[in-house]
Amino acid sequence: MSHTLVHILNNDCPHCYEGKVFNEKNIFLNIGFPKMNQYCPHCHFKFEKEPGYFFGAMYVNYGLTVAQGIATYLVAQQFFTERFDLRIIAIIAIVILSMASFNIRLSRLLWIYMFKNYSI
């Protein structure tokens, strides 16, 4: 399990662990919509199995965003005297917007790894 997480965070192909899923070398610090390889450059594993394959990754992205929002709220509320300060909403929005590009990439990688043995 820990090796799988390392491969996901390294942007490795789920089939051969040699090629890269995204064209970018570092998936953490990129801005903009991700540029995916259609096939693995090493083993030619097809990443998008069918049209609309990554619609399910949107649910993973939503879960990541909600978890980050809750975690941000729990951390931010420690710095305010009131139970809920309106400034926390701005902090949560900044964190969610700054993590959006990373969440798209991570959710697609998680989706590919969840269904790597799926064949059509």
C-alpha atoms as a PDB file:
ATOM      1  CA  MET A   1       0.000   0.000   0.000  1.00  0.00           C
ATOM      2  CA  SER A   2       2.758   2.465   0.845  1.00  0.00           C
ATOM      3  CA  HIS A   3       4.508   1.696  -2.443  1.00  0.00           C
ATOM      4  CA  THR A   4       1.289   2.498  -4.297  1.00  0.00           C
ATOM      5  CA  LEU A   5       1.072   5.895  -2.598  1.00  0.00           C
ATOM      6  CA  VAL A   6       4.674   6.629  -3.556  1.00  0.00           C
ATOM      7  CA  HIS A   7       3.939   5.705  -7.184  1.00  0.00           C
ATOM      8  CA  ILE A   8       0.815   7.875  -7.206  1.00  0.00           C
ATOM      9  CA  LEU A   9       2.688  10.874  -5.827  1.00  0.00           C
ATOM     10  CA  ASN A  10       5.543  10.264  -8.292  1.00  0.00           C
ATOM     11  CA  ASN A  11       3.077  10.370 -11.221  1.00  0.00           C
ATOM     12  CA  ASP A  12       4.054   6.826 -12.267  1.00  0.00           C
ATOM     13  CA  CYS A  13       2.188   4.586 -14.680  1.00  0.00           C
ATOM     14  CA  PRO A  14       0.002   2.085 -12.759  1.00  0.00           C
ATOM     15  CA  HIS A  15       1.000  -0.740 -15.083  1.00  0.00           C
ATOM     16  CA  CYS A  16       4.802  -0.559 -15.365  1.00  0.00           C
ATOM     17  CA  TYR A  17       5.699   2.128 -12.776  1.00  0.00           C
ATOM     18  CA  GLU A  18       8.256   3.510 -15.265  1.00  0.00           C
ATOM     19  CA  GLY A  19       6.372   5.963 -17.497  1.00  0.00           C
ATOM     20  CA  LYS A  20       4.554   9.088 -16.388  1.00  0.00           C
ATOM     21  CA  VAL A  21       0.807   9.771 -16.520  1.00  0.00           C
ATOM     22  CA  PHE A  22       1.127  13.558 -16.851  1.00  0.00           C
ATOM     23  CA  ASN A  23       3.535  15.431 -19.108  1.00  0.00           C
ATOM     24  CA  GLU A  24       4.711  17.577 -16.193  1.00  0.00           C
ATOM     25  CA  LYS A  25       7.547  16.230 -14.109  1.00  0.00           C
ATOM     26  CA  ASN A  26       6.243  17.761 -10.884  1.00  0.00           C
ATOM     27  CA  ILE A  27       2.477  17.437 -10.366  1.00  0.00           C
ATOM     28  CA  PHE A  28       2.501  19.544  -7.207  1.00  0.00           C
ATOM     29  CA  LEU A  29       3.497  22.984  -8.453  1.00  0.00           C
ATOM     30  CA  ASN A  30       1.739  23.351 -11.809  1.00  0.00           C
ATOM     31  CA  ILE A  31      -0.962  25.858 -12.608  1.00  0.00           C
ATOM     32  CA  GLY A  32      -3.614  25.197 -15.205  1.00  0.00           C
ATOM     33  CA  PHE A  33      -5.406  22.163 -16.531  1.00  0.00           C
ATOM     34  CA  PRO A  34      -3.271  19.012 -16.577  1.00  0.00           C
ATOM     35  CA  LYS A  35      -1.753  17.705 -19.792  1.00  0.00           C
ATOM     36  CA  MET A  36      -2.027  13.923 -19.685  1.00  0.00           C
ATOM     37  CA  ASN A  37      -0.293  11.413 -21.872  1.00  0.00           C
ATOM     38  CA  GLN A  38      -2.796   9.298 -23.788  1.00  0.00           C
ATOM     39  CA  TYR A  39      -0.567   6.233 -23.434  1.00  0.00           C
ATOM     40  CA  CYS A  40       2.316   5.376 -21.143  1.00  0.00           C
ATOM     41  CA  PRO A  41       5.564   6.313 -22.929  1.00  0.00           C
ATOM     42  CA  HIS A  42       7.208   3.152 -21.581  1.00  0.00           C
ATOM     43  CA  CYS A  43       4.651   0.293 -21.783  1.00  0.00           C
ATOM     44  CA  HIS A  44       1.897   1.927 -23.920  1.00  0.00           C
ATOM     45  CA  PHE A  45      -0.773   1.387 -21.254  1.00  0.00           C
ATOM     46  CA  LYS A  46      -3.872   3.399 -22.213  1.00  0.00           C
ATOM     47  CA  PHE A  47      -4.845   5.766 -19.381  1.00  0.00           C
ATOM     48  CA  GLU A  48      -8.304   6.837 -20.583  1.00  0.00           C
ATOM     49  CA  LYS A  49     -10.187   3.572 -21.046  1.00  0.00           C
ATOM     50  CA  GLU A  50     -13.299   5.069 -22.642  1.00  0.00           C
ATOM     51  CA  PRO A  51     -14.865   8.476 -23.338  1.00  0.00           C
ATOM     52  CA  GLY A  52     -15.922  10.060 -20.064  1.00  0.00           C
ATOM     53  CA  TYR A  53     -13.655   7.781 -18.028  1.00  0.00           C
ATOM     54  CA  PHE A  54     -12.529  10.630 -15.780  1.00  0.00           C
ATOM     55  CA  PHE A  55     -16.023  11.821 -14.827  1.00  0.00           C
ATOM     56  CA  GLY A  56     -15.714   9.611 -11.755  1.00  0.00           C
ATOM     57  CA  ALA A  57     -12.490  11.408 -10.823  1.00  0.00           C
ATOM     58  CA  MET A  58     -14.611  14.500 -10.217  1.00  0.00           C
ATOM     59  CA  TYR A  59     -16.164  12.737  -7.209  1.00  0.00           C
ATOM     60  CA  VAL A  60     -12.692  11.955  -5.881  1.00  0.00           C
ATOM     61  CA  ASN A  61     -11.751  15.609  -6.444  1.00  0.00           C
ATOM     62  CA  TYR A  62     -14.864  16.713  -4.534  1.00  0.00           C
ATOM     63  CA  GLY A  63     -13.954  14.444  -1.616  1.00  0.00           C
ATOM     64  CA  LEU A  64     -10.401  15.806  -1.533  1.00  0.00           C
ATOM     65  CA  THR A  65     -11.693  19.379  -1.600  1.00  0.00           C
ATOM     66  CA  VAL A  66     -14.187  18.779   1.223  1.00  0.00           C
ATOM     67  CA  ALA A  67     -11.509  17.082   3.333  1.00  0.00           C
ATOM     68  CA  GLN A  68      -9.128  19.994   2.762  1.00  0.00           C
ATOM     69  CA  GLY A  69     -11.862  22.490   3.644  1.00  0.00           C
ATOM     70  CA  ILE A  70     -12.665  20.702   6.902  1.00  0.00           C
ATOM     71  CA  ALA A  71      -8.984  20.359   7.804  1.00  0.00           C
ATOM     72  CA  THR A  72      -8.409  24.042   7.043  1.00  0.00           C
ATOM     73  CA  TYR A  73     -11.357  25.016   9.232  1.00  0.00           C
ATOM     74  CA  LEU A  74     -10.107  22.881  12.134  1.00  0.00           C
ATOM     75  CA  VAL A  75      -6.641  24.421  11.924  1.00  0.00           C
ATOM     76  CA  ALA A  76      -7.825  28.005  11.323  1.00  0.00           C
ATOM     77  CA  GLN A  77     -10.340  28.058  14.173  1.00  0.00           C
ATOM     78  CA  GLN A  78      -7.487  27.585  16.641  1.00  0.00           C
ATOM     79  CA  PHE A  79      -6.244  31.094  15.751  1.00  0.00           C
ATOM     80  CA  PHE A  80      -9.540  32.920  16.383  1.00  0.00           C
ATOM     81  CA  THR A  81     -11.303  33.595  19.688  1.00  0.00           C
ATOM     82  CA  GLU A  82     -14.844  33.189  18.321  1.00  0.00           C
ATOM     83  CA  ARG A  83     -16.134  29.750  17.434  1.00  0.00           C
ATOM     84  CA  PHE A  84     -16.813  30.760  13.832  1.00  0.00           C
ATOM     85  CA  ASP A  85     -15.235  33.896  12.446  1.00  0.00           C
ATOM     86  CA  LEU A  86     -16.128  35.019   8.926  1.00  0.00           C
ATOM     87  CA  ARG A  87     -12.433  35.386   8.101  1.00  0.00           C
ATOM     88  CA  ILE A  88     -12.175  31.601   8.206  1.00  0.00           C
ATOM     89  CA  ILE A  89     -14.292  31.423   5.040  1.00  0.00           C
ATOM     90  CA  ALA A  90     -11.707  33.497   3.163  1.00  0.00           C
ATOM     91  CA  ILE A  91      -8.900  31.300   4.463  1.00  0.00           C
ATOM     92  CA  ILE A  92     -10.731  28.145   3.370  1.00  0.00           C
ATOM     93  CA  ALA A  93     -11.403  29.660  -0.078  1.00  0.00           C
ATOM     94  CA  ILE A  94      -7.732  30.565  -0.536  1.00  0.00           C
ATOM     95  CA  VAL A  95      -6.595  27.066   0.424  1.00  0.00           C
ATOM     96  CA  ILE A  96      -9.157  25.389  -1.853  1.00  0.00           C
ATOM     97  CA  LEU A  97      -8.281  27.612  -4.827  1.00  0.00           C
ATOM     98  CA  SER A  98      -4.563  27.157  -4.331  1.00  0.00           C
ATOM     99  CA  MET A  99      -4.938  23.356  -4.153  1.00  0.00           C
ATOM    100  CA  ALA A 100      -7.348  23.020  -7.118  1.00  0.00           C
ATOM    101  CA  SER A 101      -4.712  22.268  -9.751  1.00  0.00           C
ATOM    102  CA  PHE A 102      -3.049  19.662  -7.544  1.00  0.00           C
ATOM    103  CA  ASN A 103      -6.424  18.092  -6.684  1.00  0.00           C
ATOM    104  CA  ILE A 104      -7.288  17.593 -10.349  1.00  0.00           C
ATOM    105  CA  ARG A 105      -4.058  15.720 -10.960  1.00  0.00           C
ATOM    106  CA  LEU A 106      -4.235  13.703  -7.757  1.00  0.00           C
ATOM    107  CA  SER A 107      -7.868  12.706  -8.289  1.00  0.00           C
ATOM    108  CA  ARG A 108      -7.120  11.487 -11.818  1.00  0.00           C
ATOM    109  CA  LEU A 109      -4.133   9.493 -10.593  1.00  0.00           C
ATOM    110  CA  LEU A 110      -6.203   7.951  -7.795  1.00  0.00           C
ATOM    111  CA  TRP A 111      -8.953   7.109 -10.305  1.00  0.00           C
ATOM    112  CA  ILE A 112      -6.497   5.450 -12.692  1.00  0.00           C
ATOM    113  CA  TYR A 113      -4.968   3.415  -9.873  1.00  0.00           C
ATOM    114  CA  MET A 114      -8.380   2.323  -8.549  1.00  0.00           C
ATOM    115  CA  PHE A 115      -9.345   0.940 -11.955  1.00  0.00           C
ATOM    116  CA  LYS A 116      -5.979  -0.087 -13.359  1.00  0.00           C
ATOM    117  CA  ASN A 117      -7.109  -3.707 -13.856  1.00  0.00           C
ATOM    118  CA  TYR A 118     -10.341  -2.694 -15.569  1.00  0.00           C
ATOM    119  CA  SER A 119     -10.452  -3.712 -19.220  1.00  0.00           C
ATOM    120  CA  ILE A 120     -13.061  -3.043 -21.867  1.00  0.00           C
END
